[in-house]
Amino acid sequence: MAYSTELWFEAKKRCKLNDEEIQMAKEMGLNPKSLIKNIPNKNEQWKLPVKIWVRDMYEDRFGKTGVILDNKSLKPKKKVEELPFD
């Protein structure tokens, strides 16, 4: 059964997932309802966030990790001072 893009968009928004993690979930055969259902609440502190849960399960099944490409990892954290060459 193909799920509508609206359901995937809702799961992406509520679970705070990016496009890569949505693709991982689709490859594993998960559906958007199962992702939303696994959002931990305050009483379920033992549960991993859905983002980490999907990545861990993907790594266990396929033996590889997804490549994380977000803007935060590409930006330098500190401004590097230029040293004068004497």
PDB file of N, CA and C in Angstrom:
ATOM      1  N   MET A   1       0.840  -1.179   0.000  1.00  0.00           N
ATOM      2  CA  MET A   1       0.000   0.000   0.000  1.00  0.00           C
ATOM      3  C   MET A   1       0.882   1.238   0.000  1.00  0.00           C
ATOM      4  N   ALA A   2       0.657   2.106  -0.948  1.00  0.00           N
ATOM      5  CA  ALA A   2       1.416   3.344  -1.031  1.00  0.00           C
ATOM      6  C   ALA A   2       0.760   4.394  -0.138  1.00  0.00           C
ATOM      7  N   TYR A   3       1.581   5.025   0.665  1.00  0.00           N
ATOM      8  CA  TYR A   3       1.072   6.060   1.567  1.00  0.00           C
ATOM      9  C   TYR A   3       1.208   7.416   0.892  1.00  0.00           C
ATOM     10  N   SER A   4       0.279   8.282   1.175  1.00  0.00           N
ATOM     11  CA  SER A   4       0.270   9.590   0.528  1.00  0.00           C
ATOM     12  C   SER A   4       1.428  10.448   1.024  1.00  0.00           C
ATOM     13  N   THR A   5       1.784  11.397   0.206  1.00  0.00           N
ATOM     14  CA  THR A   5       2.870  12.301   0.586  1.00  0.00           C
ATOM     15  C   THR A   5       2.479  13.155   1.781  1.00  0.00           C
ATOM     16  N   GLU A   6       1.185  13.371   1.967  1.00  0.00           N
ATOM     17  CA  GLU A   6       0.729  14.144   3.128  1.00  0.00           C
ATOM     18  C   GLU A   6       1.059  13.419   4.430  1.00  0.00           C
ATOM     19  N   LEU A   7       0.867  12.092   4.451  1.00  0.00           N
ATOM     20  CA  LEU A   7       1.192  11.320   5.656  1.00  0.00           C
ATOM     21  C   LEU A   7       2.694  11.324   5.919  1.00  0.00           C
ATOM     22  N   TRP A   8       3.498  11.198   4.855  1.00  0.00           N
ATOM     23  CA  TRP A   8       4.945  11.235   5.031  1.00  0.00           C
ATOM     24  C   TRP A   8       5.395  12.617   5.504  1.00  0.00           C
ATOM     25  N   PHE A   9       4.779  13.669   4.985  1.00  0.00           N
ATOM     26  CA  PHE A   9       5.122  15.023   5.414  1.00  0.00           C
ATOM     27  C   PHE A   9       4.784  15.222   6.891  1.00  0.00           C
ATOM     28  N   GLU A  10       3.634  14.703   7.313  1.00  0.00           N
ATOM     29  CA  GLU A  10       3.247  14.813   8.720  1.00  0.00           C
ATOM     30  C   GLU A  10       4.230  14.058   9.613  1.00  0.00           C
ATOM     31  N   ALA A  11       4.632  12.852   9.195  1.00  0.00           N
ATOM     32  CA  ALA A  11       5.600  12.076   9.972  1.00  0.00           C
ATOM     33  C   ALA A  11       6.942  12.800  10.030  1.00  0.00           C
ATOM     34  N   LYS A  12       7.345  13.381   8.913  1.00  0.00           N
ATOM     35  CA  LYS A  12       8.607  14.126   8.869  1.00  0.00           C
ATOM     36  C   LYS A  12       8.583  15.298   9.839  1.00  0.00           C
ATOM     37  N   LYS A  13       7.464  15.989   9.867  1.00  0.00           N
ATOM     38  CA  LYS A  13       7.326  17.164  10.731  1.00  0.00           C
ATOM     39  C   LYS A  13       7.249  16.767  12.205  1.00  0.00           C
ATOM     40  N   ARG A  14       6.402  15.794  12.533  1.00  0.00           N
ATOM     41  CA  ARG A  14       6.193  15.424  13.931  1.00  0.00           C
ATOM     42  C   ARG A  14       7.377  14.677  14.534  1.00  0.00           C
ATOM     43  N   CYS A  15       8.096  13.922  13.711  1.00  0.00           N
ATOM     44  CA  CYS A  15       9.240  13.150  14.208  1.00  0.00           C
ATOM     45  C   CYS A  15      10.561  13.888  14.034  1.00  0.00           C
ATOM     46  N   LYS A  16      10.519  15.065  13.413  1.00  0.00           N
ATOM     47  CA  LYS A  16      11.710  15.889  13.180  1.00  0.00           C
ATOM     48  C   LYS A  16      12.761  15.135  12.365  1.00  0.00           C
ATOM     49  N   LEU A  17      12.320  14.565  11.251  1.00  0.00           N
ATOM     50  CA  LEU A  17      13.193  13.800  10.375  1.00  0.00           C
ATOM     51  C   LEU A  17      13.579  14.629   9.162  1.00  0.00           C
ATOM     52  N   ASN A  18      14.696  14.263   8.544  1.00  0.00           N
ATOM     53  CA  ASN A  18      15.063  14.907   7.286  1.00  0.00           C
ATOM     54  C   ASN A  18      14.753  13.953   6.132  1.00  0.00           C
ATOM     55  N   ASP A  19      15.017  14.379   4.919  1.00  0.00           N
ATOM     56  CA  ASP A  19      14.675  13.577   3.741  1.00  0.00           C
ATOM     57  C   ASP A  19      15.411  12.237   3.723  1.00  0.00           C
ATOM     58  N   GLU A  20      16.648  12.241   4.176  1.00  0.00           N
ATOM     59  CA  GLU A  20      17.436  11.008   4.188  1.00  0.00           C
ATOM     60  C   GLU A  20      16.825   9.977   5.136  1.00  0.00           C
ATOM     61  N   GLU A  21      16.388  10.405   6.294  1.00  0.00           N
ATOM     62  CA  GLU A  21      15.801   9.477   7.262  1.00  0.00           C
ATOM     63  C   GLU A  21      14.439   8.972   6.792  1.00  0.00           C
ATOM     64  N   ILE A  22      13.692   9.802   6.088  1.00  0.00           N
ATOM     65  CA  ILE A  22      12.432   9.348   5.490  1.00  0.00           C
ATOM     66  C   ILE A  22      12.720   8.274   4.450  1.00  0.00           C
ATOM     67  N   GLN A  23      13.758   8.476   3.643  1.00  0.00           N
ATOM     68  CA  GLN A  23      14.131   7.486   2.631  1.00  0.00           C
ATOM     69  C   GLN A  23      14.560   6.178   3.291  1.00  0.00           C
ATOM     70  N   MET A  24      15.302   6.258   4.384  1.00  0.00           N
ATOM     71  CA  MET A  24      15.701   5.052   5.118  1.00  0.00           C
ATOM     72  C   MET A  24      14.475   4.292   5.606  1.00  0.00           C
ATOM     73  N   ALA A  25      13.519   5.008   6.165  1.00  0.00           N
ATOM     74  CA  ALA A  25      12.298   4.378   6.672  1.00  0.00           C
ATOM     75  C   ALA A  25      11.538   3.692   5.542  1.00  0.00           C
ATOM     76  N   LYS A  26      11.465   4.333   4.392  1.00  0.00           N
ATOM     77  CA  LYS A  26      10.778   3.736   3.247  1.00  0.00           C
ATOM     78  C   LYS A  26      11.491   2.474   2.776  1.00  0.00           C
ATOM     79  N   GLU A  27      12.828   2.498   2.742  1.00  0.00           N
ATOM     80  CA  GLU A  27      13.596   1.327   2.312  1.00  0.00           C
ATOM     81  C   GLU A  27      13.390   0.146   3.250  1.00  0.00           C
ATOM     82  N   MET A  28      13.175   0.426   4.530  1.00  0.00           N
ATOM     83  CA  MET A  28      12.962  -0.649   5.500  1.00  0.00           C
ATOM     84  C   MET A  28      11.513  -1.107   5.547  1.00  0.00           C
ATOM     85  N   GLY A  29      10.640  -0.453   4.802  1.00  0.00           N
ATOM     86  CA  GLY A  29       9.243  -0.855   4.768  1.00  0.00           C
ATOM     87  C   GLY A  29       8.400  -0.291   5.896  1.00  0.00           C
ATOM     88  N   LEU A  30       8.915   0.724   6.582  1.00  0.00           N
ATOM     89  CA  LEU A  30       8.132   1.364   7.634  1.00  0.00           C
ATOM     90  C   LEU A  30       7.087   2.269   6.993  1.00  0.00           C
ATOM     91  N   ASN A  31       6.040   2.543   7.723  1.00  0.00           N
ATOM     92  CA  ASN A  31       5.033   3.467   7.214  1.00  0.00           C
ATOM     93  C   ASN A  31       4.972   4.688   8.126  1.00  0.00           C
ATOM     94  N   PRO A  32       4.401   5.774   7.655  1.00  0.00           N
ATOM     95  CA  PRO A  32       4.388   7.009   8.454  1.00  0.00           C
ATOM     96  C   PRO A  32       3.648   6.860   9.772  1.00  0.00           C
ATOM     97  N   LYS A  33       2.631   6.019   9.803  1.00  0.00           N
ATOM     98  CA  LYS A  33       1.885   5.824  11.047  1.00  0.00           C
ATOM     99  C   LYS A  33       2.757   5.159  12.109  1.00  0.00           C
ATOM    100  N   SER A  34       3.612   4.208  11.701  1.00  0.00           N
ATOM    101  CA  SER A  34       4.480   3.550  12.678  1.00  0.00           C
ATOM    102  C   SER A  34       5.530   4.511  13.222  1.00  0.00           C
ATOM    103  N   LEU A  35       5.989   5.438  12.393  1.00  0.00           N
ATOM    104  CA  LEU A  35       6.952   6.434  12.871  1.00  0.00           C
ATOM    105  C   LEU A  35       6.313   7.343  13.911  1.00  0.00           C
ATOM    106  N   ILE A  36       5.101   7.806  13.620  1.00  0.00           N
ATOM    107  CA  ILE A  36       4.398   8.693  14.548  1.00  0.00           C
ATOM    108  C   ILE A  36       4.071   7.959  15.842  1.00  0.00           C
ATOM    109  N   LYS A  37       3.714   6.689  15.725  1.00  0.00           N
ATOM    110  CA  LYS A  37       3.360   5.889  16.895  1.00  0.00           C
ATOM    111  C   LYS A  37       4.551   5.709  17.840  1.00  0.00           C
ATOM    112  N   ASN A  38       5.762   5.732  17.304  1.00  0.00           N
ATOM    113  CA  ASN A  38       6.954   5.495  18.107  1.00  0.00           C
ATOM    114  C   ASN A  38       7.603   6.759  18.649  1.00  0.00           C
ATOM    115  N   ILE A  39       6.912   7.877  18.606  1.00  0.00           N
ATOM    116  CA  ILE A  39       7.428   9.098  19.232  1.00  0.00           C
ATOM    117  C   ILE A  39       7.354   8.908  20.745  1.00  0.00           C
ATOM    118  N   PRO A  40       8.495   9.013  21.445  1.00  0.00           N
ATOM    119  CA  PRO A  40       8.452   8.810  22.902  1.00  0.00           C
ATOM    120  C   PRO A  40       7.773   9.974  23.616  1.00  0.00           C
ATOM    121  N   ASN A  41       7.025   9.655  24.670  1.00  0.00           N
ATOM    122  CA  ASN A  41       6.448  10.719  25.491  1.00  0.00           C
ATOM    123  C   ASN A  41       7.234  10.813  26.795  1.00  0.00           C
ATOM    124  N   LYS A  42       6.802  11.660  27.699  1.00  0.00           N
ATOM    125  CA  LYS A  42       7.554  11.906  28.932  1.00  0.00           C
ATOM    126  C   LYS A  42       7.704  10.655  29.787  1.00  0.00           C
ATOM    127  N   ASN A  43       6.733   9.757  29.743  1.00  0.00           N
ATOM    128  CA  ASN A  43       6.799   8.543  30.553  1.00  0.00           C
ATOM    129  C   ASN A  43       7.639   7.450  29.909  1.00  0.00           C
ATOM    130  N   GLU A  44       8.060   7.640  28.680  1.00  0.00           N
ATOM    131  CA  GLU A  44       8.842   6.641  27.954  1.00  0.00           C
ATOM    132  C   GLU A  44      10.258   7.148  27.697  1.00  0.00           C
ATOM    133  N   GLN A  45      10.978   7.441  28.755  1.00  0.00           N
ATOM    134  CA  GLN A  45      12.325   7.976  28.610  1.00  0.00           C
ATOM    135  C   GLN A  45      13.306   6.927  28.102  1.00  0.00           C
ATOM    136  N   TRP A  46      12.933   5.669  28.166  1.00  0.00           N
ATOM    137  CA  TRP A  46      13.786   4.599  27.674  1.00  0.00           C
ATOM    138  C   TRP A  46      13.775   4.527  26.149  1.00  0.00           C
ATOM    139  N   LYS A  47      12.770   5.123  25.512  1.00  0.00           N
ATOM    140  CA  LYS A  47      12.656   5.080  24.056  1.00  0.00           C
ATOM    141  C   LYS A  47      13.607   6.081  23.415  1.00  0.00           C
ATOM    142  N   LEU A  48      14.219   5.658  22.316  1.00  0.00           N
ATOM    143  CA  LEU A  48      15.052   6.569  21.542  1.00  0.00           C
ATOM    144  C   LEU A  48      14.180   7.512  20.723  1.00  0.00           C
ATOM    145  N   PRO A  49      14.667   8.701  20.429  1.00  0.00           N
ATOM    146  CA  PRO A  49      13.944   9.546  19.481  1.00  0.00           C
ATOM    147  C   PRO A  49      13.839   8.826  18.134  1.00  0.00           C
ATOM    148  N   VAL A  50      12.796   9.106  17.390  1.00  0.00           N
ATOM    149  CA  VAL A  50      12.532   8.389  16.139  1.00  0.00           C
ATOM    150  C   VAL A  50      13.704   8.533  15.172  1.00  0.00           C
ATOM    151  N   LYS A  51      14.315   9.704  15.134  1.00  0.00           N
ATOM    152  CA  LYS A  51      15.459   9.950  14.251  1.00  0.00           C
ATOM    153  C   LYS A  51      16.583   8.939  14.515  1.00  0.00           C
ATOM    154  N   ILE A  52      16.932   8.746  15.768  1.00  0.00           N
ATOM    155  CA  ILE A  52      18.004   7.821  16.129  1.00  0.00           C
ATOM    156  C   ILE A  52      17.549   6.381  15.943  1.00  0.00           C
ATOM    157  N   TRP A  53      16.302   6.091  16.267  1.00  0.00           N
ATOM    158  CA  TRP A  53      15.743   4.749  16.121  1.00  0.00           C
ATOM    159  C   TRP A  53      15.807   4.285  14.665  1.00  0.00           C
ATOM    160  N   VAL A  54      15.430   5.160  13.737  1.00  0.00           N
ATOM    161  CA  VAL A  54      15.450   4.812  12.315  1.00  0.00           C
ATOM    162  C   VAL A  54      16.878   4.568  11.856  1.00  0.00           C
ATOM    163  N   ARG A  55      17.799   5.447  12.242  1.00  0.00           N
ATOM    164  CA  ARG A  55      19.199   5.287  11.830  1.00  0.00           C
ATOM    165  C   ARG A  55      19.815   4.004  12.383  1.00  0.00           C
ATOM    166  N   ASP A  56      19.566   3.698  13.660  1.00  0.00           N
ATOM    167  CA  ASP A  56      20.096   2.474  14.258  1.00  0.00           C
ATOM    168  C   ASP A  56      19.539   1.230  13.576  1.00  0.00           C
ATOM    169  N   MET A  57      18.247   1.223  13.317  1.00  0.00           N
ATOM    170  CA  MET A  57      17.622   0.076  12.675  1.00  0.00           C
ATOM    171  C   MET A  57      18.155  -0.092  11.247  1.00  0.00           C
ATOM    172  N   TYR A  58      18.361   1.001  10.544  1.00  0.00           N
ATOM    173  CA  TYR A  58      18.895   0.948   9.180  1.00  0.00           C
ATOM    174  C   TYR A  58      20.307   0.367   9.186  1.00  0.00           C
ATOM    175  N   GLU A  59      21.110   0.813  10.147  1.00  0.00           N
ATOM    176  CA  GLU A  59      22.477   0.307  10.245  1.00  0.00           C
ATOM    177  C   GLU A  59      22.487  -1.178  10.586  1.00  0.00           C
ATOM    178  N   ASP A  60      21.596  -1.615  11.473  1.00  0.00           N
ATOM    179  CA  ASP A  60      21.518  -3.032  11.827  1.00  0.00           C
ATOM    180  C   ASP A  60      21.103  -3.889  10.634  1.00  0.00           C
ATOM    181  N   ARG A  61      20.151  -3.420   9.857  1.00  0.00           N
ATOM    182  CA  ARG A  61      19.638  -4.215   8.734  1.00  0.00           C
ATOM    183  C   ARG A  61      20.573  -4.238   7.537  1.00  0.00           C
ATOM    184  N   PHE A  62      21.136  -3.097   7.201  1.00  0.00           N
ATOM    185  CA  PHE A  62      21.918  -2.992   5.979  1.00  0.00           C
ATOM    186  C   PHE A  62      23.422  -2.900   6.228  1.00  0.00           C
ATOM    187  N   GLY A  63      23.827  -2.755   7.475  1.00  0.00           N
ATOM    188  CA  GLY A  63      25.242  -2.718   7.801  1.00  0.00           C
ATOM    189  C   GLY A  63      25.957  -1.468   7.332  1.00  0.00           C
ATOM    190  N   LYS A  64      25.230  -0.420   7.075  1.00  0.00           N
ATOM    191  CA  LYS A  64      25.853   0.830   6.658  1.00  0.00           C
ATOM    192  C   LYS A  64      25.082   1.984   7.266  1.00  0.00           C
ATOM    193  N   THR A  65      25.757   3.093   7.376  1.00  0.00           N
ATOM    194  CA  THR A  65      25.096   4.275   7.919  1.00  0.00           C
ATOM    195  C   THR A  65      24.823   5.246   6.795  1.00  0.00           C
ATOM    196  N   GLY A  66      23.817   6.042   6.985  1.00  0.00           N
ATOM    197  CA  GLY A  66      23.508   7.080   6.013  1.00  0.00           C
ATOM    198  C   GLY A  66      24.488   8.221   6.164  1.00  0.00           C
ATOM    199  N   VAL A  67      24.699   8.936   5.108  1.00  0.00           N
ATOM    200  CA  VAL A  67      25.591  10.085   5.137  1.00  0.00           C
ATOM    201  C   VAL A  67      24.791  11.293   5.585  1.00  0.00           C
ATOM    202  N   ILE A  68      25.280  11.944   6.621  1.00  0.00           N
ATOM    203  CA  ILE A  68      24.585  13.119   7.139  1.00  0.00           C
ATOM    204  C   ILE A  68      25.150  14.349   6.443  1.00  0.00           C
ATOM    205  N   LEU A  69      24.309  15.006   5.701  1.00  0.00           N
ATOM    206  CA  LEU A  69      24.709  16.236   5.027  1.00  0.00           C
ATOM    207  C   LEU A  69      23.753  17.340   5.436  1.00  0.00           C
ATOM    208  N   ASP A  70      24.116  18.048   6.468  1.00  0.00           N
ATOM    209  CA  ASP A  70      23.311  19.192   6.859  1.00  0.00           C
ATOM    210  C   ASP A  70      24.216  20.411   6.925  1.00  0.00           C
ATOM    211  N   ASN A  71      23.626  21.559   6.881  1.00  0.00           N
ATOM    212  CA  ASN A  71      24.390  22.799   6.832  1.00  0.00           C
ATOM    213  C   ASN A  71      25.216  23.022   8.085  1.00  0.00           C
ATOM    214  N   LYS A  72      24.761  22.528   9.216  1.00  0.00           N
ATOM    215  CA  LYS A  72      25.480  22.753  10.467  1.00  0.00           C
ATOM    216  C   LYS A  72      26.833  22.057  10.461  1.00  0.00           C
ATOM    217  N   SER A  73      26.913  20.861   9.871  1.00  0.00           N
ATOM    218  CA  SER A  73      28.166  20.129   9.882  1.00  0.00           C
ATOM    219  C   SER A  73      29.162  20.702   8.873  1.00  0.00           C
ATOM    220  N   LEU A  74      28.692  21.452   7.888  1.00  0.00           N
ATOM    221  CA  LEU A  74      29.579  21.999   6.880  1.00  0.00           C
ATOM    222  C   LEU A  74      30.179  23.337   7.282  1.00  0.00           C
ATOM    223  N   LYS A  75      29.567  24.038   8.215  1.00  0.00           N
ATOM    224  CA  LYS A  75      30.054  25.341   8.632  1.00  0.00           C
ATOM    225  C   LYS A  75      31.138  25.180   9.698  1.00  0.00           C
ATOM    226  N   PRO A  76      32.190  25.984   9.624  1.00  0.00           N
ATOM    227  CA  PRO A  76      33.197  25.921  10.682  1.00  0.00           C
ATOM    228  C   PRO A  76      32.628  26.459  11.995  1.00  0.00           C
ATOM    229  N   LYS A  77      33.020  25.835  13.091  1.00  0.00           N
ATOM    230  CA  LYS A  77      32.486  26.243  14.384  1.00  0.00           C
ATOM    231  C   LYS A  77      33.145  27.517  14.896  1.00  0.00           C
ATOM    232  N   LYS A  78      34.434  27.669  14.643  1.00  0.00           N
ATOM    233  CA  LYS A  78      35.148  28.860  15.077  1.00  0.00           C
ATOM    234  C   LYS A  78      35.790  29.515  13.866  1.00  0.00           C
ATOM    235  N   LYS A  79      35.880  30.804  13.958  1.00  0.00           N
ATOM    236  CA  LYS A  79      36.563  31.515  12.893  1.00  0.00           C
ATOM    237  C   LYS A  79      38.063  31.349  13.112  1.00  0.00           C
ATOM    238  N   VAL A  80      38.726  30.874  12.107  1.00  0.00           N
ATOM    239  CA  VAL A  80      40.160  30.626  12.212  1.00  0.00           C
ATOM    240  C   VAL A  80      40.893  31.920  11.893  1.00  0.00           C
ATOM    241  N   GLU A  81      41.777  32.291  12.798  1.00  0.00           N
ATOM    242  CA  GLU A  81      42.551  33.510  12.583  1.00  0.00           C
ATOM    243  C   GLU A  81      43.691  33.216  11.619  1.00  0.00           C
ATOM    244  N   GLU A  82      43.919  34.156  10.738  1.00  0.00           N
ATOM    245  CA  GLU A  82      45.017  33.990   9.801  1.00  0.00           C
ATOM    246  C   GLU A  82      46.307  34.434  10.478  1.00  0.00           C
ATOM    247  N   LEU A  83      47.326  33.629  10.326  1.00  0.00           N
ATOM    248  CA  LEU A  83      48.622  33.955  10.897  1.00  0.00           C
ATOM    249  C   LEU A  83      49.489  34.603   9.825  1.00  0.00           C
ATOM    250  N   PRO A  84      50.182  35.673  10.183  1.00  0.00           N
ATOM    251  CA  PRO A  84      51.057  36.303   9.182  1.00  0.00           C
ATOM    252  C   PRO A  84      52.280  35.423   8.926  1.00  0.00           C
ATOM    253  N   PHE A  85      52.663  35.345   7.687  1.00  0.00           N
ATOM    254  CA  PHE A  85      53.851  34.574   7.329  1.00  0.00           C
ATOM    255  C   PHE A  85      55.045  35.510   7.309  1.00  0.00           C
ATOM    256  N   ASP A  86      56.025  35.218   8.145  1.00  0.00           N
ATOM    257  CA  ASP A  86      57.229  36.063   8.217  1.00  0.00           C
ATOM    258  C   ASP A  86      58.377  35.410   7.515  1.00  0.00           C
TER     259      ASP A  86
END
